[in-house]
Amino acid sequence: MLDRKLLEEQMCELPIFEYHYIDVSRLTFTQRVRDICRTECPMYGKSWACPPGTGTVEECRQRCLAYKKALLIATVTEVSDIANIRETLDTRADHEEVTRQVAELVRQQTEDVYVLSSEACDECETCAYPDAPCRFPDRMNPCIESHGILLTDTLEQLGIEFQYGGNIVTWFSLIFYNE
């Protein structure tokens, strides 16, 4: 059983804007999200953390539904110009570090953990995909969208704000676990 009180005390030490425990059955999986990956993301087909390397949307859905709960974490940061994509993307590394730290805290209580985050994975300078297996599967966190998850739908269902306007960047991760 996950000791939420202990976990929350530990997370208070991290720059987490907000977190929510969610029932995985509330997630919406859709091929539409995957289609956006295919047509708009430059990482499509270049990494084990991105489609099609992550499997079909149905395979990803089944992988996620093998867990009953997920911890949704959000970090926010301010940039000088949100239209500056380089500056905006440069804030992602801090979120990924927080995600790694929270995932480790959850792993201290339960070994059965699966992490989705905001990255296309940057563990290796050049991904082994598709010629060889992932070199660091224990450190690779596929992005939420790679699994066809319509995160905005879940955020709206839970009443979670995700667009703060101005130059505020919000990053999300899902840490799946079984108790």
C-alpha atoms as a PDB file:
ATOM      1  CA  MET A   1       0.000   0.000   0.000  1.00  0.00           C
ATOM      2  CA  LEU A   2       1.385   3.375  -0.990  1.00  0.00           C
ATOM      3  CA  ASP A   3       1.911   5.574   2.050  1.00  0.00           C
ATOM      4  CA  ARG A   4       0.534   8.785   0.551  1.00  0.00           C
ATOM      5  CA  LYS A   5       1.307  10.846   3.633  1.00  0.00           C
ATOM      6  CA  LEU A   6       4.988   9.907   3.490  1.00  0.00           C
ATOM      7  CA  LEU A   7       5.116  10.453  -0.255  1.00  0.00           C
ATOM      8  CA  GLU A   8       3.471  13.866   0.058  1.00  0.00           C
ATOM      9  CA  GLU A   9       5.928  14.893   2.783  1.00  0.00           C
ATOM     10  CA  GLN A  10       8.794  13.890   0.488  1.00  0.00           C
ATOM     11  CA  MET A  11       7.280  15.645  -2.540  1.00  0.00           C
ATOM     12  CA  CYS A  12       6.975  18.877  -0.519  1.00  0.00           C
ATOM     13  CA  GLU A  13      10.747  19.128  -0.856  1.00  0.00           C
ATOM     14  CA  LEU A  14      10.466  19.242  -4.651  1.00  0.00           C
ATOM     15  CA  PRO A  15       9.345  22.073  -6.947  1.00  0.00           C
ATOM     16  CA  ILE A  16       6.021  20.440  -7.802  1.00  0.00           C
ATOM     17  CA  PHE A  17       3.236  22.873  -8.619  1.00  0.00           C
ATOM     18  CA  GLU A  18       0.475  20.340  -8.023  1.00  0.00           C
ATOM     19  CA  TYR A  19      -0.189  16.635  -7.935  1.00  0.00           C
ATOM     20  CA  HIS A  20      -3.230  14.395  -8.069  1.00  0.00           C
ATOM     21  CA  TYR A  21      -3.815  10.704  -7.541  1.00  0.00           C
ATOM     22  CA  ILE A  22      -5.961   9.436 -10.356  1.00  0.00           C
ATOM     23  CA  ASP A  23      -7.749   6.257 -11.231  1.00  0.00           C
ATOM     24  CA  VAL A  24      -6.174   5.031 -14.475  1.00  0.00           C
ATOM     25  CA  SER A  25      -9.609   4.137 -15.839  1.00  0.00           C
ATOM     26  CA  ARG A  26     -10.286   7.909 -16.127  1.00  0.00           C
ATOM     27  CA  LEU A  27      -7.644   8.318 -18.837  1.00  0.00           C
ATOM     28  CA  THR A  28      -8.818   8.828 -22.403  1.00  0.00           C
ATOM     29  CA  PHE A  29      -6.839   7.003 -25.091  1.00  0.00           C
ATOM     30  CA  THR A  30      -7.366   8.007 -28.700  1.00  0.00           C
ATOM     31  CA  GLN A  31      -5.742   7.439 -32.059  1.00  0.00           C
ATOM     32  CA  ARG A  32      -6.187  11.176 -32.758  1.00  0.00           C
ATOM     33  CA  VAL A  33      -3.348  12.022 -30.372  1.00  0.00           C
ATOM     34  CA  ARG A  34      -1.114   9.502 -32.109  1.00  0.00           C
ATOM     35  CA  ASP A  35      -2.028  10.999 -35.484  1.00  0.00           C
ATOM     36  CA  ILE A  36      -0.816  14.401 -34.247  1.00  0.00           C
ATOM     37  CA  CYS A  37       2.467  12.760 -33.225  1.00  0.00           C
ATOM     38  CA  ARG A  38       2.809  11.256 -36.685  1.00  0.00           C
ATOM     39  CA  THR A  39       2.057  14.447 -38.594  1.00  0.00           C
ATOM     40  CA  GLU A  40       3.541  17.155 -36.362  1.00  0.00           C
ATOM     41  CA  CYS A  41       6.313  15.796 -34.144  1.00  0.00           C
ATOM     42  CA  PRO A  42       9.848  15.619 -35.530  1.00  0.00           C
ATOM     43  CA  MET A  43      10.633  12.726 -33.145  1.00  0.00           C
ATOM     44  CA  TYR A  44       8.034  10.374 -34.645  1.00  0.00           C
ATOM     45  CA  GLY A  45       9.765   7.174 -35.734  1.00  0.00           C
ATOM     46  CA  LYS A  46      13.122   8.182 -34.246  1.00  0.00           C
ATOM     47  CA  SER A  47      13.018   6.900 -30.673  1.00  0.00           C
ATOM     48  CA  TRP A  48      11.837   3.990 -28.543  1.00  0.00           C
ATOM     49  CA  ALA A  49      10.060   6.630 -26.412  1.00  0.00           C
ATOM     50  CA  CYS A  50       7.941   7.773 -29.355  1.00  0.00           C
ATOM     51  CA  PRO A  51       5.547   6.095 -31.735  1.00  0.00           C
ATOM     52  CA  PRO A  52       5.666   3.732 -33.423  1.00  0.00           C
ATOM     53  CA  GLY A  53       8.417   2.481 -31.061  1.00  0.00           C
ATOM     54  CA  THR A  54       6.038   2.585 -28.096  1.00  0.00           C
ATOM     55  CA  GLY A  55       3.584   0.212 -29.800  1.00  0.00           C
ATOM     56  CA  THR A  56       0.040   0.774 -30.984  1.00  0.00           C
ATOM     57  CA  VAL A  57      -2.362   2.939 -29.012  1.00  0.00           C
ATOM     58  CA  GLU A  58      -4.162  -0.238 -27.926  1.00  0.00           C
ATOM     59  CA  GLU A  59      -0.905  -1.818 -26.724  1.00  0.00           C
ATOM     60  CA  CYS A  60      -0.067   1.376 -24.826  1.00  0.00           C
ATOM     61  CA  ARG A  61      -3.584   1.486 -23.369  1.00  0.00           C
ATOM     62  CA  GLN A  62      -3.278  -2.094 -22.121  1.00  0.00           C
ATOM     63  CA  ARG A  63       0.171  -1.353 -20.659  1.00  0.00           C
ATOM     64  CA  CYS A  64      -1.258   1.613 -18.721  1.00  0.00           C
ATOM     65  CA  LEU A  65      -4.440  -0.193 -17.648  1.00  0.00           C
ATOM     66  CA  ALA A  66      -2.276  -2.894 -16.055  1.00  0.00           C
ATOM     67  CA  TYR A  67      -1.941  -0.289 -13.288  1.00  0.00           C
ATOM     68  CA  LYS A  68      -4.847   0.850 -11.139  1.00  0.00           C
ATOM     69  CA  LYS A  69      -3.511   4.227 -10.025  1.00  0.00           C
ATOM     70  CA  ALA A  70      -1.357   7.014 -11.332  1.00  0.00           C
ATOM     71  CA  LEU A  71       0.185  10.042  -9.743  1.00  0.00           C
ATOM     72  CA  LEU A  72      -0.148  13.074 -11.977  1.00  0.00           C
ATOM     73  CA  ILE A  73       2.483  15.710 -11.252  1.00  0.00           C
ATOM     74  CA  ALA A  74       2.792  19.175 -12.722  1.00  0.00           C
ATOM     75  CA  THR A  75       5.588  21.686 -12.673  1.00  0.00           C
ATOM     76  CA  VAL A  76       5.382  25.251 -13.919  1.00  0.00           C
ATOM     77  CA  THR A  77       8.001  27.739 -14.889  1.00  0.00           C
ATOM     78  CA  GLU A  78       8.039  31.184 -16.391  1.00  0.00           C
ATOM     79  CA  VAL A  79       9.925  32.094 -19.540  1.00  0.00           C
ATOM     80  CA  SER A  80      10.592  35.517 -20.993  1.00  0.00           C
ATOM     81  CA  ASP A  81       8.777  34.701 -24.253  1.00  0.00           C
ATOM     82  CA  ILE A  82       6.535  31.650 -24.547  1.00  0.00           C
ATOM     83  CA  ALA A  83       6.694  31.932 -28.334  1.00  0.00           C
ATOM     84  CA  ASN A  84      10.423  31.195 -28.140  1.00  0.00           C
ATOM     85  CA  ILE A  85      10.251  27.424 -28.551  1.00  0.00           C
ATOM     86  CA  ARG A  86      13.928  26.899 -27.656  1.00  0.00           C
ATOM     87  CA  GLU A  87      13.538  28.754 -24.360  1.00  0.00           C
ATOM     88  CA  THR A  88      10.302  26.922 -23.611  1.00  0.00           C
ATOM     89  CA  LEU A  89      11.771  23.488 -24.359  1.00  0.00           C
ATOM     90  CA  ASP A  90      14.865  24.272 -22.288  1.00  0.00           C
ATOM     91  CA  THR A  91      12.618  24.245 -19.197  1.00  0.00           C
ATOM     92  CA  ARG A  92      11.694  20.608 -19.792  1.00  0.00           C
ATOM     93  CA  ALA A  93      14.928  19.218 -18.294  1.00  0.00           C
ATOM     94  CA  ASP A  94      14.023  20.550 -14.850  1.00  0.00           C
ATOM     95  CA  HIS A  95      10.616  18.875 -15.058  1.00  0.00           C
ATOM     96  CA  GLU A  96      12.193  15.609 -16.140  1.00  0.00           C
ATOM     97  CA  GLU A  97      14.523  15.692 -13.126  1.00  0.00           C
ATOM     98  CA  VAL A  98      11.551  16.220 -10.801  1.00  0.00           C
ATOM     99  CA  THR A  99       9.775  13.326 -12.533  1.00  0.00           C
ATOM    100  CA  ARG A 100      12.785  11.054 -11.971  1.00  0.00           C
ATOM    101  CA  GLN A 101      12.897  12.031  -8.302  1.00  0.00           C
ATOM    102  CA  VAL A 102       9.183  11.428  -7.723  1.00  0.00           C
ATOM    103  CA  ALA A 103       9.309   8.116  -9.595  1.00  0.00           C
ATOM    104  CA  GLU A 104      12.161   7.035  -7.314  1.00  0.00           C
ATOM    105  CA  LEU A 105      10.127   7.992  -4.230  1.00  0.00           C
ATOM    106  CA  VAL A 106       7.229   5.873  -5.509  1.00  0.00           C
ATOM    107  CA  ARG A 107       9.633   2.988  -6.305  1.00  0.00           C
ATOM    108  CA  GLN A 108      10.798   3.065  -2.693  1.00  0.00           C
ATOM    109  CA  GLN A 109       7.285   1.976  -1.755  1.00  0.00           C
ATOM    110  CA  THR A 110       6.339  -0.206  -4.708  1.00  0.00           C
ATOM    111  CA  GLU A 111       8.532  -1.649  -7.426  1.00  0.00           C
ATOM    112  CA  ASP A 112       5.723  -1.886  -9.961  1.00  0.00           C
ATOM    113  CA  VAL A 113       6.027   1.582 -11.545  1.00  0.00           C
ATOM    114  CA  TYR A 114       5.639   2.873 -15.102  1.00  0.00           C
ATOM    115  CA  VAL A 115       6.446   6.485 -15.985  1.00  0.00           C
ATOM    116  CA  LEU A 116       5.201   8.680 -18.812  1.00  0.00           C
ATOM    117  CA  SER A 117       6.476  12.202 -19.064  1.00  0.00           C
ATOM    118  CA  SER A 118       7.019  15.096 -21.388  1.00  0.00           C
ATOM    119  CA  GLU A 119      10.021  13.935 -23.290  1.00  0.00           C
ATOM    120  CA  ALA A 120      10.911  12.032 -26.369  1.00  0.00           C
ATOM    121  CA  CYS A 121      13.838  10.726 -24.262  1.00  0.00           C
ATOM    122  CA  ASP A 122      17.251  12.299 -24.344  1.00  0.00           C
ATOM    123  CA  GLU A 123      19.302   9.646 -22.559  1.00  0.00           C
ATOM    124  CA  CYS A 124      21.368   8.884 -25.661  1.00  0.00           C
ATOM    125  CA  GLU A 125      22.791  11.258 -28.219  1.00  0.00           C
ATOM    126  CA  THR A 126      21.484   8.888 -30.898  1.00  0.00           C
ATOM    127  CA  CYS A 127      18.701   6.434 -30.118  1.00  0.00           C
ATOM    128  CA  ALA A 128      19.230   2.791 -31.052  1.00  0.00           C
ATOM    129  CA  TYR A 129      15.731   2.753 -32.592  1.00  0.00           C
ATOM    130  CA  PRO A 130      14.831   0.777 -34.677  1.00  0.00           C
ATOM    131  CA  ASP A 131      18.018  -1.249 -35.165  1.00  0.00           C
ATOM    132  CA  ALA A 132      18.671  -2.324 -31.579  1.00  0.00           C
ATOM    133  CA  PRO A 133      16.853  -2.423 -28.237  1.00  0.00           C
ATOM    134  CA  CYS A 134      16.773   0.630 -25.995  1.00  0.00           C
ATOM    135  CA  ARG A 135      20.107   0.972 -24.175  1.00  0.00           C
ATOM    136  CA  PHE A 136      18.531   2.339 -20.977  1.00  0.00           C
ATOM    137  CA  PRO A 137      14.941   1.065 -20.706  1.00  0.00           C
ATOM    138  CA  ASP A 138      14.935   1.740 -16.950  1.00  0.00           C
ATOM    139  CA  ARG A 139      15.674   5.445 -17.539  1.00  0.00           C
ATOM    140  CA  MET A 140      13.573   6.019 -20.657  1.00  0.00           C
ATOM    141  CA  ASN A 141      10.212   7.644 -19.940  1.00  0.00           C
ATOM    142  CA  PRO A 142       8.009   7.812 -23.025  1.00  0.00           C
ATOM    143  CA  CYS A 143       5.964  10.951 -23.447  1.00  0.00           C
ATOM    144  CA  ILE A 144       2.319  10.896 -22.392  1.00  0.00           C
ATOM    145  CA  GLU A 145       1.094  11.626 -25.906  1.00  0.00           C
ATOM    146  CA  SER A 146       3.089   8.713 -27.352  1.00  0.00           C
ATOM    147  CA  HIS A 147       0.561   6.443 -25.647  1.00  0.00           C
ATOM    148  CA  GLY A 148      -2.406   8.178 -27.237  1.00  0.00           C
ATOM    149  CA  ILE A 149      -3.480   9.744 -23.940  1.00  0.00           C
ATOM    150  CA  LEU A 150      -5.641  12.824 -24.335  1.00  0.00           C
ATOM    151  CA  LEU A 151      -4.338  14.491 -21.190  1.00  0.00           C
ATOM    152  CA  THR A 152      -6.393  17.662 -21.610  1.00  0.00           C
ATOM    153  CA  ASP A 153      -9.539  15.557 -21.271  1.00  0.00           C
ATOM    154  CA  THR A 154      -8.333  14.122 -17.949  1.00  0.00           C
ATOM    155  CA  LEU A 155      -7.264  17.553 -16.696  1.00  0.00           C
ATOM    156  CA  GLU A 156     -10.664  19.016 -17.545  1.00  0.00           C
ATOM    157  CA  GLN A 157     -12.479  16.080 -15.863  1.00  0.00           C
ATOM    158  CA  LEU A 158     -10.492  16.703 -12.693  1.00  0.00           C
ATOM    159  CA  GLY A 159     -10.846  20.491 -12.845  1.00  0.00           C
ATOM    160  CA  ILE A 160      -7.091  20.981 -13.187  1.00  0.00           C
ATOM    161  CA  GLU A 161      -5.960  24.242 -14.762  1.00  0.00           C
ATOM    162  CA  PHE A 162      -3.315  23.789 -17.427  1.00  0.00           C
ATOM    163  CA  GLN A 163      -3.183  27.073 -19.321  1.00  0.00           C
ATOM    164  CA  TYR A 164      -2.169  29.933 -17.113  1.00  0.00           C
ATOM    165  CA  GLY A 165      -1.552  32.445 -19.869  1.00  0.00           C
ATOM    166  CA  GLY A 166       1.319  34.825 -20.140  1.00  0.00           C
ATOM    167  CA  ASN A 167       4.696  33.192 -20.281  1.00  0.00           C
ATOM    168  CA  ILE A 168       3.914  30.271 -17.976  1.00  0.00           C
ATOM    169  CA  VAL A 169       4.953  26.800 -19.142  1.00  0.00           C
ATOM    170  CA  THR A 170       3.238  23.773 -17.558  1.00  0.00           C
ATOM    171  CA  TRP A 171       4.716  20.273 -17.762  1.00  0.00           C
ATOM    172  CA  PHE A 172       2.982  17.043 -16.705  1.00  0.00           C
ATOM    173  CA  SER A 173       4.029  13.478 -15.922  1.00  0.00           C
ATOM    174  CA  LEU A 174       2.093  10.345 -15.023  1.00  0.00           C
ATOM    175  CA  ILE A 175       3.608   7.828 -12.641  1.00  0.00           C
ATOM    176  CA  PHE A 176       1.603   4.594 -12.788  1.00  0.00           C
ATOM    177  CA  TYR A 177       1.734   2.200  -9.859  1.00  0.00           C
ATOM    178  CA  ASN A 178      -0.002  -0.757  -8.275  1.00  0.00           C
ATOM    179  CA  GLU A 179      -0.409  -1.073  -4.555  1.00  0.00           C
END
